[in-house]
Amino acid sequence: CWRVEDYVVVQECARCSSFQTKSMTECRPTGFVEKVTCATSKKDDFKRCRSAVMEAHIFWRFVGTMMCVAALFAVLVVCRQRVLDRKALEKVRKQLESI
């Protein structure tokens, strides 16, 4: 009913229990559900929702992963730069020896 009419949130977004996860289709996509009452039909229903805590956890995991990837590539850039510097110095040394 909450898709076609106005509703009032009776219970805020909360994690589904293991029984709810198995029995309610609303729990499967996000693992969180909120209880709503439809204004016109006065029917209680459950609506899937996204938890702010879950969103924050996903965000910080993403940030941590990106920081690790950035650090890895920074190390690779430094190593590659050292290799290129050695090759350039070797080339200059060979040119000076040939004179």
C-alpha atoms as a PDB file:
ATOM      1  CA  CYS A   1       0.000   0.000   0.000  1.00  0.00           C
ATOM      2  CA  TRP A   2       2.904   2.399   0.646  1.00  0.00           C
ATOM      3  CA  ARG A   3       3.684   2.573  -3.080  1.00  0.00           C
ATOM      4  CA  VAL A   4       0.336   4.100  -4.066  1.00  0.00           C
ATOM      5  CA  GLU A   5      -0.724   6.105  -1.004  1.00  0.00           C
ATOM      6  CA  ASP A   6       0.751   8.270   1.717  1.00  0.00           C
ATOM      7  CA  TYR A   7       2.141   6.510   4.761  1.00  0.00           C
ATOM      8  CA  VAL A   8       3.409   7.147   8.273  1.00  0.00           C
ATOM      9  CA  VAL A   9       6.526   5.437   9.586  1.00  0.00           C
ATOM     10  CA  VAL A  10       5.584   3.479  12.727  1.00  0.00           C
ATOM     11  CA  GLN A  11       8.957   1.820  13.348  1.00  0.00           C
ATOM     12  CA  GLU A  12      12.234   3.283  12.111  1.00  0.00           C
ATOM     13  CA  CYS A  13      14.617   1.415   9.849  1.00  0.00           C
ATOM     14  CA  ALA A  14      15.972  -1.637  11.703  1.00  0.00           C
ATOM     15  CA  ARG A  15      17.943  -4.776  10.857  1.00  0.00           C
ATOM     16  CA  CYS A  16      15.842  -7.790   9.944  1.00  0.00           C
ATOM     17  CA  SER A  17      15.965 -10.847  12.180  1.00  0.00           C
ATOM     18  CA  SER A  18      17.071 -14.154  10.671  1.00  0.00           C
ATOM     19  CA  PHE A  19      13.417 -15.290  10.568  1.00  0.00           C
ATOM     20  CA  GLN A  20      12.332 -12.081   8.822  1.00  0.00           C
ATOM     21  CA  THR A  21      15.138 -12.411   6.295  1.00  0.00           C
ATOM     22  CA  LYS A  22      13.938 -15.874   5.332  1.00  0.00           C
ATOM     23  CA  SER A  23      10.209 -15.121   5.359  1.00  0.00           C
ATOM     24  CA  MET A  24       9.874 -11.513   4.105  1.00  0.00           C
ATOM     25  CA  THR A  25      10.870 -10.489   0.595  1.00  0.00           C
ATOM     26  CA  GLU A  26      11.345  -6.875   1.768  1.00  0.00           C
ATOM     27  CA  CYS A  27      14.333  -7.911   3.907  1.00  0.00           C
ATOM     28  CA  ARG A  28      16.338  -9.600   1.160  1.00  0.00           C
ATOM     29  CA  PRO A  29      17.760  -6.638  -0.835  1.00  0.00           C
ATOM     30  CA  THR A  30      19.162  -4.548   2.042  1.00  0.00           C
ATOM     31  CA  GLY A  31      18.648  -6.544   5.247  1.00  0.00           C
ATOM     32  CA  PHE A  32      16.782  -3.607   6.785  1.00  0.00           C
ATOM     33  CA  VAL A  33      13.062  -2.924   7.018  1.00  0.00           C
ATOM     34  CA  GLU A  34      10.751  -0.283   8.486  1.00  0.00           C
ATOM     35  CA  LYS A  35       7.129  -0.655   9.537  1.00  0.00           C
ATOM     36  CA  VAL A  36       4.685   1.807   7.958  1.00  0.00           C
ATOM     37  CA  THR A  37       0.957   2.481   8.241  1.00  0.00           C
ATOM     38  CA  CYS A  38      -0.811   3.609   5.104  1.00  0.00           C
ATOM     39  CA  ALA A  39      -2.924   6.730   5.574  1.00  0.00           C
ATOM     40  CA  THR A  40      -5.969   5.823   3.478  1.00  0.00           C
ATOM     41  CA  SER A  41      -6.326   2.090   4.041  1.00  0.00           C
ATOM     42  CA  LYS A  42      -4.967   2.105   7.641  1.00  0.00           C
ATOM     43  CA  LYS A  43      -3.038  -1.048   6.738  1.00  0.00           C
ATOM     44  CA  ASP A  44       0.280  -1.914   8.416  1.00  0.00           C
ATOM     45  CA  ASP A  45       2.997  -2.954   5.999  1.00  0.00           C
ATOM     46  CA  PHE A  46       6.763  -3.359   5.844  1.00  0.00           C
ATOM     47  CA  LYS A  47       8.972  -1.339   3.517  1.00  0.00           C
ATOM     48  CA  ARG A  48      12.618  -2.005   2.760  1.00  0.00           C
ATOM     49  CA  CYS A  49      15.011   0.762   3.680  1.00  0.00           C
ATOM     50  CA  ARG A  50      18.697   1.590   3.868  1.00  0.00           C
ATOM     51  CA  SER A  51      20.313   2.056   7.250  1.00  0.00           C
ATOM     52  CA  ALA A  52      22.483   5.114   7.793  1.00  0.00           C
ATOM     53  CA  VAL A  53      24.917   2.972   9.787  1.00  0.00           C
ATOM     54  CA  MET A  54      25.156   0.473   6.931  1.00  0.00           C
ATOM     55  CA  GLU A  55      25.688   3.263   4.391  1.00  0.00           C
ATOM     56  CA  ALA A  56      28.426   4.807   6.559  1.00  0.00           C
ATOM     57  CA  HIS A  57      30.126   1.412   6.923  1.00  0.00           C
ATOM     58  CA  ILE A  58      30.066   0.864   3.147  1.00  0.00           C
ATOM     59  CA  PHE A  59      31.391   4.393   2.550  1.00  0.00           C
ATOM     60  CA  TRP A  60      34.329   4.001   4.958  1.00  0.00           C
ATOM     61  CA  ARG A  61      35.166   0.579   3.525  1.00  0.00           C
ATOM     62  CA  PHE A  62      35.277   2.191   0.069  1.00  0.00           C
ATOM     63  CA  VAL A  63      37.481   5.044   1.344  1.00  0.00           C
ATOM     64  CA  GLY A  64      39.861   2.578   3.010  1.00  0.00           C
ATOM     65  CA  THR A  65      40.083   0.479  -0.131  1.00  0.00           C
ATOM     66  CA  MET A  66      40.821   3.535  -2.270  1.00  0.00           C
ATOM     67  CA  MET A  67      43.522   4.695   0.172  1.00  0.00           C
ATOM     68  CA  CYS A  68      45.202   1.267  -0.001  1.00  0.00           C
ATOM     69  CA  VAL A  69      45.039   1.265  -3.801  1.00  0.00           C
ATOM     70  CA  ALA A  70      46.470   4.805  -3.910  1.00  0.00           C
ATOM     71  CA  ALA A  71      49.331   3.828  -1.585  1.00  0.00           C
ATOM     72  CA  LEU A  72      50.086   0.753  -3.694  1.00  0.00           C
ATOM     73  CA  PHE A  73      50.237   2.764  -6.912  1.00  0.00           C
ATOM     74  CA  ALA A  74      52.374   5.449  -5.223  1.00  0.00           C
ATOM     75  CA  VAL A  75      54.896   2.759  -4.284  1.00  0.00           C
ATOM     76  CA  LEU A  76      54.815   1.401  -7.841  1.00  0.00           C
ATOM     77  CA  VAL A  77      55.412   4.889  -9.275  1.00  0.00           C
ATOM     78  CA  VAL A  78      58.410   5.449  -6.981  1.00  0.00           C
ATOM     79  CA  CYS A  79      59.890   2.043  -7.912  1.00  0.00           C
ATOM     80  CA  ARG A  80      59.362   2.672 -11.628  1.00  0.00           C
ATOM     81  CA  GLN A  81      60.926   6.129 -11.344  1.00  0.00           C
ATOM     82  CA  ARG A  82      64.017   4.637  -9.671  1.00  0.00           C
ATOM     83  CA  VAL A  83      64.356   2.055 -12.454  1.00  0.00           C
ATOM     84  CA  LEU A  84      64.073   4.744 -15.124  1.00  0.00           C
ATOM     85  CA  ASP A  85      66.597   6.968 -13.306  1.00  0.00           C
ATOM     86  CA  ARG A  86      69.090   4.073 -13.160  1.00  0.00           C
ATOM     87  CA  LYS A  87      68.635   3.395 -16.871  1.00  0.00           C
ATOM     88  CA  ALA A  88      69.159   7.074 -17.701  1.00  0.00           C
ATOM     89  CA  LEU A  89      72.298   7.266 -15.558  1.00  0.00           C
ATOM     90  CA  GLU A  90      73.638   4.081 -17.172  1.00  0.00           C
ATOM     91  CA  LYS A  91      73.009   5.541 -20.623  1.00  0.00           C
ATOM     92  CA  VAL A  92      74.814   8.773 -19.714  1.00  0.00           C
ATOM     93  CA  ARG A  93      77.737   6.792 -18.210  1.00  0.00           C
ATOM     94  CA  LYS A  94      78.079   4.735 -21.421  1.00  0.00           C
ATOM     95  CA  GLN A  95      78.018   7.887 -23.567  1.00  0.00           C
ATOM     96  CA  LEU A  96      80.730   9.473 -21.416  1.00  0.00           C
ATOM     97  CA  GLU A  97      82.895   6.323 -21.599  1.00  0.00           C
ATOM     98  CA  SER A  98      82.668   6.248 -25.381  1.00  0.00           C
ATOM     99  CA  ILE A  99      84.114   9.761 -25.712  1.00  0.00           C
END
